Amino acid sequence: MVKPSRAYRVFQGVNGVILTLVVLVTLYPFANILARSFSGERQIRAGEVTLLPKGFNLTTYKIVFQDSVFWRNYGNTVLYTVVATAVAMVLTTCYAYVLSKKHLKGRGVLVGIAVFTMFFTGGLIPNYILVTSLGLKNSVWAIALPNAISVFNLLVMKAFFENLPAELEEAAQIDGLSTYGVLLRIVLPLSKAVVATMVLFYSVSFWNSWFSAFLYMDRTDLMPVTVYLRNLIQGATGGGNAGAGTEQLSQVGANIQSVTIVLTALPILCVYPFVQRYFVSGVMLGAVKG
């Protein structure tokens, strides 16, 4: 066994210190937000809250949790995220698989159409008119369909599929599998890393999205929790009507934003550890070439 050189040991030590500092700097905002969400208004305004709560306070959490509209909107967010992510994954996977076939006629045109949309869009008003004329308002499809394909995710998946050995698909076709059979039984099982990564990307995007629902939903009971929390912040700052519990928010205006951030981020933070092991490999393998 070769003994590491002194220079290498020094490098490891310096590298460990730097990475530790990076982790601490990254975690500090999360710890501070969590502490603020449990702190009192006076302590927050005085700048006394850092990593531990001061003037322990659960008033804001109680206001939010006791509101039936909050739970209804939270359920809407779960529904919208699941449906929109499923639609996005089906369309992105199929489109990326097609674009990965270099013998496909018109492949360059299809790639160009996708890339074109990264730089040019129809604009807010044409999109609103289109969604309204299709009868998609006040439905989950108003959120899922206009944002169904992310071109960045599409190109990453395309590059990943191009890196798969062509011999595997040829052998499957010789065994009698159709194109869909090859995709479902050969390609996707070998693409767990990139699929898990894309699911994470899409789910985080749809979970945090609020503007589409704000634009296309007219009924409060159809809003996602992000719109509810936005209205809650406005109500706490005197900028609008936040629904039930608004009259109490003057007591907790200083920590309402921290509470909303915690409640919005918590589900994603719970899901992330289960897909984290696929994250780096999925992105790197899909970005080798494109």
Protein backbone atom coordinates (compact mmCIF):
# COMPACT_ATOMS: atom_id res chain seq x y z
CA MET A 1 0.00 0.00 0.00
CA VAL A 2 1.45 3.34 -1.10
CA LYS A 3 1.63 5.91 1.68
CA PRO A 4 0.06 9.27 0.70
CA SER A 5 2.59 12.04 0.22
CA ARG A 6 2.73 15.00 2.55
CA ALA A 7 1.47 17.34 -0.18
CA TYR A 8 -1.55 15.08 -0.76
CA ARG A 9 -2.35 15.00 2.97
CA VAL A 10 -2.15 18.79 3.09
CA PHE A 11 -4.47 18.97 0.08
CA GLN A 12 -6.96 16.66 1.79
CA GLY A 13 -6.90 18.76 4.95
CA VAL A 14 -7.37 22.05 3.12
CA ASN A 15 -10.07 20.51 0.94
CA GLY A 16 -11.90 19.21 4.01
CA VAL A 17 -11.80 22.63 5.71
CA ILE A 18 -13.07 24.41 2.61
CA LEU A 19 -15.91 21.93 2.07
CA THR A 20 -16.89 22.17 5.74
CA LEU A 21 -17.09 25.96 5.48
CA VAL A 22 -19.18 25.66 2.31
CA VAL A 23 -21.59 23.30 4.06
CA LEU A 24 -21.90 25.63 7.05
CA VAL A 25 -22.52 28.65 4.84
CA THR A 26 -25.15 26.69 2.90
CA LEU A 27 -26.95 25.39 5.98
CA TYR A 28 -26.98 28.67 7.90
CA PRO A 29 -29.89 30.28 5.96
CA PHE A 30 -32.03 27.16 6.48
CA ALA A 31 -31.28 27.04 10.19
CA ASN A 32 -31.95 30.76 10.52
CA ILE A 33 -35.30 30.53 8.72
CA LEU A 34 -36.34 27.60 10.90
CA ALA A 35 -35.36 29.48 14.07
CA ARG A 36 -37.23 32.60 12.95
CA SER A 37 -40.38 30.59 12.30
CA PHE A 38 -40.51 29.60 15.98
CA SER A 39 -39.42 32.97 17.36
CA GLY A 40 -41.35 35.93 18.68
CA GLU A 41 -42.00 39.05 16.67
CA ARG A 42 -40.06 41.38 18.98
CA GLN A 43 -36.94 39.18 18.95
CA ILE A 44 -36.98 38.92 15.16
CA ARG A 45 -37.37 42.66 14.66
CA ALA A 46 -34.54 43.26 17.13
CA GLY A 47 -32.25 40.97 15.16
CA GLU A 48 -31.69 38.60 18.07
CA VAL A 49 -32.48 35.37 16.19
CA THR A 50 -29.59 33.50 14.60
CA LEU A 51 -29.51 29.70 14.92
CA LEU A 52 -31.83 29.16 17.91
CA PRO A 53 -35.39 30.44 18.42
CA LYS A 54 -35.87 33.39 20.77
CA GLY A 55 -39.22 34.07 22.44
CA PHE A 56 -40.62 30.70 21.39
CA ASN A 57 -43.84 31.25 19.44
CA LEU A 58 -46.27 28.84 17.72
CA THR A 59 -49.02 31.35 17.02
CA THR A 60 -48.41 31.54 13.29
CA TYR A 61 -48.30 27.76 12.89
CA LYS A 62 -51.57 27.47 14.81
CA ILE A 63 -53.26 30.07 12.61
CA VAL A 64 -52.20 28.28 9.44
CA PHE A 65 -52.91 24.75 10.64
CA GLN A 66 -56.39 25.63 11.89
CA ASP A 67 -57.42 27.04 8.52
CA SER A 68 -59.30 24.51 6.38
CA VAL A 69 -58.42 26.49 3.25
CA PHE A 70 -54.74 25.83 3.92
CA TRP A 71 -55.23 22.06 3.93
CA ARG A 72 -57.42 22.19 0.83
CA ASN A 73 -54.80 24.22 -1.00
CA TYR A 74 -52.05 21.91 0.25
CA GLY A 75 -53.93 18.96 -1.22
CA ASN A 76 -54.27 20.87 -4.49
CA THR A 77 -50.52 21.37 -4.58
CA VAL A 78 -49.90 17.65 -4.12
CA LEU A 79 -52.40 16.83 -6.88
CA TYR A 80 -51.01 19.42 -9.29
CA THR A 81 -47.42 18.36 -8.64
CA VAL A 82 -48.12 14.64 -9.13
CA VAL A 83 -50.21 15.07 -12.29
CA ALA A 84 -47.98 17.72 -13.87
CA THR A 85 -44.79 15.77 -13.12
CA ALA A 86 -46.28 12.58 -14.58
CA VAL A 87 -47.35 14.39 -17.76
CA ALA A 88 -43.98 16.13 -18.05
CA MET A 89 -42.02 12.90 -17.59
CA VAL A 90 -44.04 11.02 -20.21
CA LEU A 91 -43.71 13.77 -22.82
CA THR A 92 -40.06 14.59 -22.06
CA THR A 93 -38.99 10.94 -22.07
CA CYS A 94 -40.74 10.16 -25.36
CA TYR A 95 -39.44 13.31 -27.04
CA ALA A 96 -35.89 12.77 -25.77
CA TYR A 97 -35.88 9.12 -26.88
CA VAL A 98 -36.96 10.11 -30.38
CA LEU A 99 -34.32 12.84 -30.61
CA SER A 100 -31.60 10.40 -29.51
CA LYS A 101 -32.00 8.43 -32.75
CA LYS A 102 -29.49 9.88 -35.18
CA HIS A 103 -31.06 8.10 -38.14
CA LEU A 104 -34.39 9.90 -37.59
CA LYS A 105 -35.37 12.08 -40.55
CA GLY A 106 -35.98 15.67 -39.52
CA ARG A 107 -34.15 15.19 -36.23
CA GLY A 108 -32.34 18.51 -36.58
CA VAL A 109 -35.64 20.33 -37.13
CA LEU A 110 -37.18 18.78 -34.01
CA VAL A 111 -34.14 19.71 -31.94
CA GLY A 112 -34.24 23.23 -33.36
CA ILE A 113 -37.93 23.63 -32.47
CA ALA A 114 -37.20 22.62 -28.88
CA VAL A 115 -34.16 24.90 -28.55
CA PHE A 116 -36.05 27.80 -30.15
CA THR A 117 -38.55 27.80 -27.29
CA MET A 118 -35.71 28.35 -24.80
CA PHE A 119 -35.15 31.84 -26.20
CA PHE A 120 -38.53 32.88 -27.62
CA THR A 121 -42.04 32.48 -26.21
CA GLY A 122 -45.48 33.64 -27.25
CA GLY A 123 -45.76 35.97 -24.29
CA LEU A 124 -48.09 36.14 -21.33
CA ILE A 125 -51.21 37.44 -23.07
CA PRO A 126 -51.15 34.95 -25.99
CA ASN A 127 -50.58 32.09 -23.54
CA TYR A 128 -53.51 33.25 -21.41
CA ILE A 129 -55.77 33.52 -24.47
CA LEU A 130 -54.69 30.07 -25.64
CA VAL A 131 -55.32 28.38 -22.28
CA THR A 132 -58.67 30.14 -21.92
CA SER A 133 -59.84 29.31 -25.46
CA LEU A 134 -58.97 25.63 -24.91
CA GLY A 135 -61.18 25.56 -21.83
CA LEU A 136 -58.32 24.69 -19.49
CA LYS A 137 -58.94 27.40 -16.89
CA ASN A 138 -59.72 26.23 -13.36
CA SER A 139 -58.29 22.78 -14.04
CA VAL A 140 -55.06 20.95 -13.35
CA TRP A 141 -54.30 20.96 -17.09
CA ALA A 142 -53.80 24.72 -17.04
CA ILE A 143 -50.77 24.07 -14.85
CA ALA A 144 -49.55 20.78 -16.32
CA LEU A 145 -49.76 21.27 -20.08
CA PRO A 146 -48.24 24.73 -20.74
CA ASN A 147 -45.13 23.76 -18.73
CA ALA A 148 -45.02 20.08 -19.69
CA ILE A 149 -41.56 20.05 -21.30
CA SER A 150 -38.44 21.75 -19.98
CA VAL A 151 -35.95 22.01 -22.83
CA PHE A 152 -33.01 21.73 -20.44
CA ASN A 153 -34.37 18.46 -19.04
CA LEU A 154 -35.13 17.30 -22.56
CA LEU A 155 -31.56 17.84 -23.76
CA VAL A 156 -30.10 16.13 -20.68
CA MET A 157 -32.27 13.05 -21.24
CA LYS A 158 -31.49 13.07 -24.96
CA ALA A 159 -27.75 13.03 -24.26
CA PHE A 160 -28.21 10.23 -21.72
CA PHE A 161 -30.13 8.06 -24.18
CA GLU A 162 -27.47 8.65 -26.83
CA ASN A 163 -24.85 7.23 -24.46
CA LEU A 164 -26.67 3.91 -24.07
CA PRO A 165 -25.17 1.04 -26.12
CA ALA A 166 -27.03 0.68 -29.42
CA GLU A 167 -26.34 -3.06 -29.34
CA LEU A 168 -28.80 -3.52 -26.47
CA GLU A 169 -31.67 -2.07 -28.48
CA GLU A 170 -30.68 -4.00 -31.59
CA ALA A 171 -30.67 -7.26 -29.63
CA ALA A 172 -34.08 -6.43 -28.16
CA GLN A 173 -35.50 -5.71 -31.61
CA ILE A 174 -34.14 -9.04 -32.88
CA ASP A 175 -35.98 -10.70 -29.98
CA GLY A 176 -39.19 -9.16 -31.26
CA LEU A 177 -39.68 -6.08 -29.07
CA SER A 178 -41.38 -3.08 -30.63
CA THR A 179 -40.11 0.48 -30.26
CA TYR A 180 -42.28 1.01 -27.18
CA GLY A 181 -41.19 -2.35 -25.81
CA VAL A 182 -37.54 -1.40 -26.16
CA LEU A 183 -38.18 1.92 -24.41
CA LEU A 184 -40.19 0.44 -21.54
CA ARG A 185 -38.32 -2.81 -20.95
CA ILE A 186 -34.73 -1.96 -21.92
CA VAL A 187 -34.06 1.78 -21.97
CA LEU A 188 -36.01 3.02 -18.93
CA PRO A 189 -34.73 0.34 -16.51
CA LEU A 190 -31.20 1.42 -17.46
CA SER A 191 -32.07 5.09 -17.01
CA LYS A 192 -33.14 5.17 -13.36
CA ALA A 193 -30.57 7.82 -12.48
CA VAL A 194 -31.60 10.36 -15.09
CA VAL A 195 -35.30 9.60 -14.64
CA ALA A 196 -35.08 10.16 -10.87
CA THR A 197 -33.18 13.40 -11.47
CA MET A 198 -35.77 14.68 -13.93
CA VAL A 199 -38.60 13.75 -11.57
CA LEU A 200 -36.90 15.80 -8.87
CA PHE A 201 -36.40 18.77 -11.19
CA TYR A 202 -40.00 18.74 -12.39
CA SER A 203 -41.58 18.11 -9.00
CA VAL A 204 -39.63 20.94 -7.35
CA SER A 205 -40.57 23.27 -10.19
CA PHE A 206 -44.29 22.47 -10.04
CA TRP A 207 -44.36 22.42 -6.24
CA ASN A 208 -42.88 25.92 -6.00
CA SER A 209 -44.86 27.33 -8.92
CA TRP A 210 -47.58 29.83 -8.06
CA PHE A 211 -47.93 32.21 -11.00
CA SER A 212 -49.67 29.75 -13.34
CA ALA A 213 -52.32 28.98 -10.73
CA PHE A 214 -52.61 32.68 -9.84
CA LEU A 215 -53.22 33.41 -13.52
CA TYR A 216 -55.50 30.54 -14.53
CA MET A 217 -57.43 29.76 -11.33
CA ASP A 218 -60.39 31.95 -10.33
CA ARG A 219 -61.58 29.98 -7.30
CA THR A 220 -59.90 29.96 -3.90
CA ASP A 221 -60.58 26.26 -3.36
CA LEU A 222 -58.54 25.45 -6.49
CA MET A 223 -55.44 27.43 -5.53
CA PRO A 224 -52.18 25.67 -4.57
CA VAL A 225 -50.60 26.28 -1.20
CA THR A 226 -48.01 28.62 -2.69
CA VAL A 227 -50.75 31.10 -3.63
CA TYR A 228 -52.31 30.69 -0.18
CA LEU A 229 -48.98 31.48 1.47
CA ARG A 230 -48.41 34.43 -0.84
CA ASN A 231 -51.79 35.85 0.17
CA LEU A 232 -50.93 35.15 3.80
CA ILE A 233 -47.78 37.25 3.53
CA GLN A 234 -49.73 40.04 1.84
CA GLY A 235 -52.32 39.92 4.60
CA ALA A 236 -49.62 40.11 7.26
CA THR A 237 -48.07 43.14 5.61
CA GLY A 238 -51.38 44.83 4.85
CA GLY A 239 -51.16 44.10 1.12
CA GLY A 240 -54.30 42.05 0.65
CA ASN A 241 -56.78 39.55 1.99
CA ALA A 242 -55.25 36.32 3.29
CA GLY A 243 -58.49 34.54 4.18
CA ALA A 244 -59.13 32.96 7.57
CA GLY A 245 -56.91 34.12 10.40
CA THR A 246 -55.99 37.43 8.81
CA GLU A 247 -57.10 39.45 11.81
CA GLN A 248 -54.55 37.63 13.98
CA LEU A 249 -51.61 38.05 11.64
CA SER A 250 -50.71 41.47 12.98
CA GLN A 251 -49.41 39.60 16.02
CA VAL A 252 -47.06 37.41 13.99
CA GLY A 253 -46.15 39.57 11.00
CA ALA A 254 -42.42 39.34 11.69
CA ASN A 255 -42.17 35.55 11.37
CA ILE A 256 -44.93 34.83 8.86
CA GLN A 257 -42.50 34.72 5.94
CA SER A 258 -40.27 32.23 7.75
CA VAL A 259 -43.24 29.99 8.51
CA THR A 260 -44.37 30.02 4.88
CA ILE A 261 -40.88 29.13 3.67
CA VAL A 262 -40.65 26.20 6.11
CA LEU A 263 -44.08 24.83 5.17
CA THR A 264 -43.35 25.13 1.45
CA ALA A 265 -39.88 23.58 1.53
CA LEU A 266 -40.55 20.77 4.02
CA PRO A 267 -42.04 18.18 1.59
CA ILE A 268 -39.24 18.64 -0.92
CA LEU A 269 -36.64 18.32 1.83
CA CYS A 270 -38.28 15.05 2.90
CA VAL A 271 -38.29 13.61 -0.62
CA TYR A 272 -34.82 14.75 -1.69
CA PRO A 273 -32.78 12.24 0.40
CA PHE A 274 -34.47 9.34 -1.40
CA VAL A 275 -33.40 10.56 -4.86
CA GLN A 276 -30.14 12.24 -3.89
CA ARG A 277 -28.03 9.21 -4.80
CA TYR A 278 -29.28 9.45 -8.39
CA PHE A 279 -28.91 13.21 -8.65
CA VAL A 280 -25.22 13.68 -9.51
CA SER A 281 -24.92 10.58 -11.70
CA GLY A 282 -28.09 11.47 -13.59
CA VAL A 283 -26.98 14.97 -14.45
CA MET A 284 -23.36 14.04 -15.24
CA LEU A 285 -24.21 11.04 -17.37
CA GLY A 286 -26.75 13.08 -19.28
CA ALA A 287 -24.32 15.93 -19.85
CA VAL A 288 -21.39 13.99 -21.31
CA LYS A 289 -22.34 14.99 -24.81
CA GLY A 290 -25.30 16.61 -26.47
